[in-house]
Structures are given as C-alpha cells and as structure tokens.
ModelCIF file with pLDDT and N, C-alpha, C, O atoms, coordinates in Angstrom:
data_MODEL
#
_entry.id   MODEL 
#
_entity.id                         1 
_entity.type                       polymer 
_entity.pdbx_number_of_molecules   1 
#
_entity_poly.entity_id                      1 
_entity_poly.type                           'polypeptide(L)' 
_entity_poly.nstd_linkage                   no 
_entity_poly.nstd_monomer                   no 
_entity_poly.pdbx_seq_one_letter_code       IRVSNTARQELEKRYGMAPDFVNVLAQEAEN 
_entity_poly.pdbx_seq_one_letter_code_can   IRVSNTARQELEKRYGMAPDFVNVLAQEAEN 
_entity_poly.pdbx_strand_id                 A 
#
loop_
_entity_poly_seq.entity_id 
_entity_poly_seq.num 
_entity_poly_seq.mon_id 
_entity_poly_seq.hetero 
1 1  ILE n 
1 2  ARG n 
1 3  VAL n 
1 4  SER n 
1 5  ASN n 
1 6  THR n 
1 7  ALA n 
1 8  ARG n 
1 9  GLN n 
1 10 GLU n 
1 11 LEU n 
1 12 GLU n 
1 13 LYS n 
1 14 ARG n 
1 15 TYR n 
1 16 GLY n 
1 17 MET n 
1 18 ALA n 
1 19 PRO n 
1 20 ASP n 
1 21 PHE n 
1 22 VAL n 
1 23 ASN n 
1 24 VAL n 
1 25 LEU n 
1 26 ALA n 
1 27 GLN n 
1 28 GLU n 
1 29 ALA n 
1 30 GLU n 
1 31 ASN n 
#
_struct_asym.id          A 
_struct_asym.entity_id   1 
#
loop_
_ma_qa_metric.id 
_ma_qa_metric.mode 
_ma_qa_metric.name 
_ma_qa_metric.software_group_id 
_ma_qa_metric.type 
1 global pLDDT . pLDDT 
2 local  pLDDT . pLDDT 
#
_ma_qa_metric_global.metric_id      1 
_ma_qa_metric_global.metric_value   65.71 
_ma_qa_metric_global.model_id       1 
_ma_qa_metric_global.ordinal_id     1 
#
loop_
_ma_qa_metric_local.label_asym_id 
_ma_qa_metric_local.label_comp_id 
_ma_qa_metric_local.label_seq_id 
_ma_qa_metric_local.metric_id 
_ma_qa_metric_local.metric_value 
_ma_qa_metric_local.model_id 
_ma_qa_metric_local.ordinal_id 
A ILE 1  2 72.00 1 1  
A ARG 2  2 76.00 1 2  
A VAL 3  2 77.00 1 3  
A SER 4  2 71.00 1 4  
A ASN 5  2 71.00 1 5  
A THR 6  2 75.00 1 6  
A ALA 7  2 78.00 1 7  
A ARG 8  2 72.00 1 8  
A GLN 9  2 75.00 1 9  
A GLU 10 2 76.00 1 10 
A LEU 11 2 76.00 1 11 
A GLU 12 2 72.00 1 12 
A LYS 13 2 75.00 1 13 
A ARG 14 2 75.00 1 14 
A TYR 15 2 72.00 1 15 
A GLY 16 2 69.00 1 16 
A MET 17 2 64.00 1 17 
A ALA 18 2 62.00 1 18 
A PRO 19 2 63.00 1 19 
A ASP 20 2 61.00 1 20 
A PHE 21 2 62.00 1 21 
A VAL 22 2 61.00 1 22 
A ASN 23 2 62.00 1 23 
A VAL 24 2 58.00 1 24 
A LEU 25 2 58.00 1 25 
A ALA 26 2 59.00 1 26 
A GLN 27 2 54.00 1 27 
A GLU 28 2 54.00 1 28 
A ALA 29 2 52.00 1 29 
A GLU 30 2 47.00 1 30 
A ASN 31 2 38.00 1 31 
#
loop_
_atom_site.group_PDB 
_atom_site.id 
_atom_site.type_symbol 
_atom_site.label_atom_id 
_atom_site.label_alt_id 
_atom_site.label_comp_id 
_atom_site.label_asym_id 
_atom_site.label_entity_id 
_atom_site.label_seq_id 
_atom_site.pdbx_PDB_ins_code 
_atom_site.Cartn_x 
_atom_site.Cartn_y 
_atom_site.Cartn_z 
_atom_site.occupancy 
_atom_site.B_iso_or_equiv 
_atom_site.pdbx_formal_charge 
_atom_site.auth_seq_id 
_atom_site.auth_comp_id 
_atom_site.auth_asym_id 
_atom_site.auth_atom_id 
_atom_site.pdbx_PDB_model_num 
ATOM 1   N N  . ILE A 1 1  ? -4.859  7.621  -1.758 1.00 72.00 ? 1  ILE A N  1 
ATOM 2   C CA . ILE A 1 1  ? -3.731  8.194  -1.013 1.00 72.00 ? 1  ILE A CA 1 
ATOM 3   C C  . ILE A 1 1  ? -3.208  9.447  -1.701 1.00 72.00 ? 1  ILE A C  1 
ATOM 4   O O  . ILE A 1 1  ? -2.173  9.970  -1.288 1.00 72.00 ? 1  ILE A O  1 
ATOM 5   N N  . ARG A 1 2  ? -3.882  9.953  -2.740 1.00 76.00 ? 2  ARG A N  1 
ATOM 6   C CA . ARG A 1 2  ? -3.482  11.102 -3.418 1.00 76.00 ? 2  ARG A CA 1 
ATOM 7   C C  . ARG A 1 2  ? -4.464  12.254 -3.309 1.00 76.00 ? 2  ARG A C  1 
ATOM 8   O O  . ARG A 1 2  ? -4.050  13.401 -3.478 1.00 76.00 ? 2  ARG A O  1 
ATOM 9   N N  . VAL A 1 3  ? -5.669  12.031 -3.050 1.00 77.00 ? 3  VAL A N  1 
ATOM 10  C CA . VAL A 1 3  ? -6.683  13.110 -3.184 1.00 77.00 ? 3  VAL A CA 1 
ATOM 11  C C  . VAL A 1 3  ? -7.128  13.673 -1.875 1.00 77.00 ? 3  VAL A C  1 
ATOM 12  O O  . VAL A 1 3  ? -6.705  13.210 -0.816 1.00 77.00 ? 3  VAL A O  1 
ATOM 13  N N  . SER A 1 4  ? -7.984  14.674 -1.931 1.00 71.00 ? 4  SER A N  1 
ATOM 14  C CA . SER A 1 4  ? -8.368  15.351 -0.681 1.00 71.00 ? 4  SER A CA 1 
ATOM 15  C C  . SER A 1 4  ? -9.322  14.547 0.070  1.00 71.00 ? 4  SER A C  1 
ATOM 16  O O  . SER A 1 4  ? -9.741  13.499 -0.421 1.00 71.00 ? 4  SER A O  1 
ATOM 17  N N  . ASN A 1 5  ? -9.722  14.966 1.275  1.00 71.00 ? 5  ASN A N  1 
ATOM 18  C CA . ASN A 1 5  ? -10.831 14.347 2.061  1.00 71.00 ? 5  ASN A CA 1 
ATOM 19  C C  . ASN A 1 5  ? -12.093 14.299 1.367  1.00 71.00 ? 5  ASN A C  1 
ATOM 20  O O  . ASN A 1 5  ? -12.790 13.286 1.445  1.00 71.00 ? 5  ASN A O  1 
ATOM 21  N N  . THR A 1 6  ? -12.434 15.258 0.725  1.00 75.00 ? 6  THR A N  1 
ATOM 22  C CA . THR A 1 6  ? -13.760 15.333 0.098  1.00 75.00 ? 6  THR A CA 1 
ATOM 23  C C  . THR A 1 6  ? -13.862 14.247 -1.016 1.00 75.00 ? 6  THR A C  1 
ATOM 24  O O  . THR A 1 6  ? -14.884 13.588 -1.205 1.00 75.00 ? 6  THR A O  1 
ATOM 25  N N  . ALA A 1 7  ? -12.654 14.113 -1.777 1.00 78.00 ? 7  ALA A N  1 
ATOM 26  C CA . ALA A 1 7  ? -12.734 13.221 -2.895 1.00 78.00 ? 7  ALA A CA 1 
ATOM 27  C C  . ALA A 1 7  ? -12.652 11.700 -2.235 1.00 78.00 ? 7  ALA A C  1 
ATOM 28  O O  . ALA A 1 7  ? -13.250 10.744 -2.728 1.00 78.00 ? 7  ALA A O  1 
ATOM 29  N N  . ARG A 1 8  ? -11.909 11.625 -1.170 1.00 72.00 ? 8  ARG A N  1 
ATOM 30  C CA . ARG A 1 8  ? -11.880 10.245 -0.611 1.00 72.00 ? 8  ARG A CA 1 
ATOM 31  C C  . ARG A 1 8  ? -13.273 9.819  -0.093 1.00 72.00 ? 8  ARG A C  1 
ATOM 32  O O  . ARG A 1 8  ? -13.607 8.637  -0.180 1.00 72.00 ? 8  ARG A O  1 
ATOM 33  N N  . GLN A 1 9  ? -14.102 10.753 0.448  1.00 75.00 ? 9  GLN A N  1 
ATOM 34  C CA . GLN A 1 9  ? -15.439 10.405 0.882  1.00 75.00 ? 9  GLN A CA 1 
ATOM 35  C C  . GLN A 1 9  ? -16.299 9.955  -0.403 1.00 75.00 ? 9  GLN A C  1 
ATOM 36  O O  . GLN A 1 9  ? -17.090 9.012  -0.409 1.00 75.00 ? 9  GLN A O  1 
ATOM 37  N N  . GLU A 1 10 ? -16.025 10.735 -1.406 1.00 76.00 ? 10 GLU A N  1 
ATOM 38  C CA . GLU A 1 10 ? -16.698 10.391 -2.637 1.00 76.00 ? 10 GLU A CA 1 
ATOM 39  C C  . GLU A 1 10 ? -16.436 8.934  -3.214 1.00 76.00 ? 10 GLU A C  1 
ATOM 40  O O  . GLU A 1 10 ? -17.329 8.223  -3.674 1.00 76.00 ? 10 GLU A O  1 
ATOM 41  N N  . LEU A 1 11 ? -15.146 8.595  -3.134 1.00 76.00 ? 11 LEU A N  1 
ATOM 42  C CA . LEU A 1 11 ? -14.693 7.277  -3.487 1.00 76.00 ? 11 LEU A CA 1 
ATOM 43  C C  . LEU A 1 11 ? -15.332 6.213  -2.600 1.00 76.00 ? 11 LEU A C  1 
ATOM 44  O O  . LEU A 1 11 ? -15.840 5.183  -3.042 1.00 76.00 ? 11 LEU A O  1 
ATOM 45  N N  . GLU A 1 12 ? -15.263 6.552  -1.290 1.00 72.00 ? 12 GLU A N  1 
ATOM 46  C CA . GLU A 1 12 ? -15.773 5.646  -0.209 1.00 72.00 ? 12 GLU A CA 1 
ATOM 47  C C  . GLU A 1 12 ? -17.295 5.336  -0.559 1.00 72.00 ? 12 GLU A C  1 
ATOM 48  O O  . GLU A 1 12 ? -17.756 4.195  -0.546 1.00 72.00 ? 12 GLU A O  1 
ATOM 49  N N  . LYS A 1 13 ? -17.979 6.412  -0.855 1.00 75.00 ? 13 LYS A N  1 
ATOM 50  C CA . LYS A 1 13 ? -19.469 6.232  -1.044 1.00 75.00 ? 13 LYS A CA 1 
ATOM 51  C C  . LYS A 1 13 ? -19.770 5.534  -2.441 1.00 75.00 ? 13 LYS A C  1 
ATOM 52  O O  . LYS A 1 13 ? -20.681 4.717  -2.576 1.00 75.00 ? 13 LYS A O  1 
ATOM 53  N N  . ARG A 1 14 ? -18.938 5.923  -3.450 1.00 75.00 ? 14 ARG A N  1 
ATOM 54  C CA . ARG A 1 14 ? -19.236 5.403  -4.778 1.00 75.00 ? 14 ARG A CA 1 
ATOM 55  C C  . ARG A 1 14 ? -18.826 4.004  -4.942 1.00 75.00 ? 14 ARG A C  1 
ATOM 56  O O  . ARG A 1 14 ? -19.472 3.285  -5.705 1.00 75.00 ? 14 ARG A O  1 
ATOM 57  N N  . TYR A 1 15 ? -17.753 3.521  -4.260 1.00 72.00 ? 15 TYR A N  1 
ATOM 58  C CA . TYR A 1 15 ? -17.253 2.154  -4.383 1.00 72.00 ? 15 TYR A CA 1 
ATOM 59  C C  . TYR A 1 15 ? -17.481 1.296  -3.190 1.00 72.00 ? 15 TYR A C  1 
ATOM 60  O O  . TYR A 1 15 ? -17.007 0.162  -3.125 1.00 72.00 ? 15 TYR A O  1 
ATOM 61  N N  . GLY A 1 16 ? -18.215 1.834  -2.228 1.00 69.00 ? 16 GLY A N  1 
ATOM 62  C CA . GLY A 1 16 ? -18.640 1.002  -1.057 1.00 69.00 ? 16 GLY A CA 1 
ATOM 63  C C  . GLY A 1 16 ? -17.410 0.617  -0.236 1.00 69.00 ? 16 GLY A C  1 
ATOM 64  O O  . GLY A 1 16 ? -17.329 -0.511 0.249  1.00 69.00 ? 16 GLY A O  1 
ATOM 65  N N  . MET A 1 17 ? -16.543 1.444  -0.086 1.00 64.00 ? 17 MET A N  1 
ATOM 66  C CA . MET A 1 17 ? -15.296 1.099  0.643  1.00 64.00 ? 17 MET A CA 1 
ATOM 67  C C  . MET A 1 17 ? -15.523 1.377  2.155  1.00 64.00 ? 17 MET A C  1 
ATOM 68  O O  . MET A 1 17 ? -16.138 2.409  2.426  1.00 64.00 ? 17 MET A O  1 
ATOM 69  N N  . ALA A 1 18 ? -15.119 0.614  3.131  1.00 62.00 ? 18 ALA A N  1 
ATOM 70  C CA . ALA A 1 18 ? -15.299 0.897  4.602  1.00 62.00 ? 18 ALA A CA 1 
ATOM 71  C C  . ALA A 1 18 ? -14.392 2.093  5.013  1.00 62.00 ? 18 ALA A C  1 
ATOM 72  O O  . ALA A 1 18 ? -13.208 2.171  4.686  1.00 62.00 ? 18 ALA A O  1 
ATOM 73  N N  . PRO A 1 19 ? -15.013 2.961  5.714  1.00 63.00 ? 19 PRO A N  1 
ATOM 74  C CA . PRO A 1 19 ? -14.330 4.172  6.096  1.00 63.00 ? 19 PRO A CA 1 
ATOM 75  C C  . PRO A 1 19 ? -12.975 3.952  6.839  1.00 63.00 ? 19 PRO A C  1 
ATOM 76  O O  . PRO A 1 19 ? -12.024 4.725  6.725  1.00 63.00 ? 19 PRO A O  1 
ATOM 77  N N  . ASP A 1 20 ? -12.973 2.849  7.597  1.00 61.00 ? 20 ASP A N  1 
ATOM 78  C CA . ASP A 1 20 ? -11.706 2.583  8.383  1.00 61.00 ? 20 ASP A CA 1 
ATOM 79  C C  . ASP A 1 20 ? -10.576 2.234  7.447  1.00 61.00 ? 20 ASP A C  1 
ATOM 80  O O  . ASP A 1 20 ? -9.423  2.584  7.697  1.00 61.00 ? 20 ASP A O  1 
ATOM 81  N N  . PHE A 1 21 ? -10.938 1.468  6.248  1.00 62.00 ? 21 PHE A N  1 
ATOM 82  C CA . PHE A 1 21 ? -9.842  1.170  5.270  1.00 62.00 ? 21 PHE A CA 1 
ATOM 83  C C  . PHE A 1 21 ? -9.390  2.453  4.589  1.00 62.00 ? 21 PHE A C  1 
ATOM 84  O O  . PHE A 1 21 ? -8.191  2.686  4.433  1.00 62.00 ? 21 PHE A O  1 
ATOM 85  N N  . VAL A 1 22 ? -10.344 3.286  4.181  1.00 61.00 ? 22 VAL A N  1 
ATOM 86  C CA . VAL A 1 22 ? -10.030 4.501  3.456  1.00 61.00 ? 22 VAL A CA 1 
ATOM 87  C C  . VAL A 1 22 ? -9.138  5.422  4.487  1.00 61.00 ? 22 VAL A C  1 
ATOM 88  O O  . VAL A 1 22 ? -8.190  6.082  4.062  1.00 61.00 ? 22 VAL A O  1 
ATOM 89  N N  . ASN A 1 23 ? -9.471  5.417  5.719  1.00 62.00 ? 23 ASN A N  1 
ATOM 90  C CA . ASN A 1 23 ? -8.644  6.276  6.678  1.00 62.00 ? 23 ASN A CA 1 
ATOM 91  C C  . ASN A 1 23 ? -7.274  5.698  6.799  1.00 62.00 ? 23 ASN A C  1 
ATOM 92  O O  . ASN A 1 23 ? -6.297  6.447  6.818  1.00 62.00 ? 23 ASN A O  1 
ATOM 93  N N  . VAL A 1 24 ? -7.154  4.387  6.882  1.00 58.00 ? 24 VAL A N  1 
ATOM 94  C CA . VAL A 1 24 ? -5.807  3.775  6.976  1.00 58.00 ? 24 VAL A CA 1 
ATOM 95  C C  . VAL A 1 24 ? -4.968  4.135  5.843  1.00 58.00 ? 24 VAL A C  1 
ATOM 96  O O  . VAL A 1 24 ? -3.816  4.545  5.984  1.00 58.00 ? 24 VAL A O  1 
ATOM 97  N N  . LEU A 1 25 ? -5.584  3.971  4.638  1.00 58.00 ? 25 LEU A N  1 
ATOM 98  C CA . LEU A 1 25 ? -4.727  4.287  3.416  1.00 58.00 ? 25 LEU A CA 1 
ATOM 99  C C  . LEU A 1 25 ? -4.271  5.793  3.447  1.00 58.00 ? 25 LEU A C  1 
ATOM 100 O O  . LEU A 1 25 ? -3.109  6.107  3.187  1.00 58.00 ? 25 LEU A O  1 
ATOM 101 N N  . ALA A 1 26 ? -5.215  6.685  3.768  1.00 59.00 ? 26 ALA A N  1 
ATOM 102 C CA . ALA A 1 26 ? -4.906  7.984  3.687  1.00 59.00 ? 26 ALA A CA 1 
ATOM 103 C C  . ALA A 1 26 ? -3.806  8.431  4.792  1.00 59.00 ? 26 ALA A C  1 
ATOM 104 O O  . ALA A 1 26 ? -2.857  9.173  4.540  1.00 59.00 ? 26 ALA A O  1 
ATOM 105 N N  . GLN A 1 27 ? -4.080  7.879  6.009  1.00 54.00 ? 27 GLN A N  1 
ATOM 106 C CA . GLN A 1 27 ? -3.136  8.216  7.070  1.00 54.00 ? 27 GLN A CA 1 
ATOM 107 C C  . GLN A 1 27 ? -1.716  7.628  6.733  1.00 54.00 ? 27 GLN A C  1 
ATOM 108 O O  . GLN A 1 27 ? -0.730  8.345  6.908  1.00 54.00 ? 27 GLN A O  1 
ATOM 109 N N  . GLU A 1 28 ? -1.595  6.481  6.307  1.00 54.00 ? 28 GLU A N  1 
ATOM 110 C CA . GLU A 1 28 ? -0.326  5.929  5.968  1.00 54.00 ? 28 GLU A CA 1 
ATOM 111 C C  . GLU A 1 28 ? 0.343   6.694  4.869  1.00 54.00 ? 28 GLU A C  1 
ATOM 112 O O  . GLU A 1 28 ? 1.554   6.906  4.910  1.00 54.00 ? 28 GLU A O  1 
ATOM 113 N N  . ALA A 1 29 ? -0.416  7.116  3.882  1.00 52.00 ? 29 ALA A N  1 
ATOM 114 C CA . ALA A 1 29 ? 0.166   7.907  2.754  1.00 52.00 ? 29 ALA A CA 1 
ATOM 115 C C  . ALA A 1 29 ? 0.647   9.283  3.282  1.00 52.00 ? 29 ALA A C  1 
ATOM 116 O O  . ALA A 1 29 ? 1.709   9.770  2.892  1.00 52.00 ? 29 ALA A O  1 
ATOM 117 N N  . GLU A 1 30 ? -0.110  9.859  4.121  1.00 47.00 ? 30 GLU A N  1 
ATOM 118 C CA . GLU A 1 30 ? 0.191   11.315 4.598  1.00 47.00 ? 30 GLU A CA 1 
ATOM 119 C C  . GLU A 1 30 ? 1.438   11.191 5.486  1.00 47.00 ? 30 GLU A C  1 
ATOM 120 O O  . GLU A 1 30 ? 2.231   12.131 5.551  1.00 47.00 ? 30 GLU A O  1 
ATOM 121 N N  . ASN A 1 31 ? 1.630   10.048 6.173  1.00 38.00 ? 31 ASN A N  1 
ATOM 122 C CA . ASN A 1 31 ? 2.738   9.962  7.017  1.00 38.00 ? 31 ASN A CA 1 
ATOM 123 C C  . ASN A 1 31 ? 3.965   9.346  6.352  1.00 38.00 ? 31 ASN A C  1 
ATOM 124 O O  . ASN A 1 31 ? 5.011   9.213  6.988  1.00 38.00 ? 31 ASN A O  1 
#
C-alpha cells in the first residue's frame, strides 16, 4: 500500500500473491 505499481508487481511475483489481492490493497490505500 506504499510502493509504486512496478514494485507491487515485484512483490506479487516474488511472494506469490494473487493479483486481485494486491490490487485490492493498493486501491483501498490510494482511496
């Protein structure tokens, strides 16, 4: 919820997180 889209994608790939979960976190933080 703190980093850029590029870094989120890196976290998603490195830690095997589902994209929809990452997007929910990011969207809620941004709003």
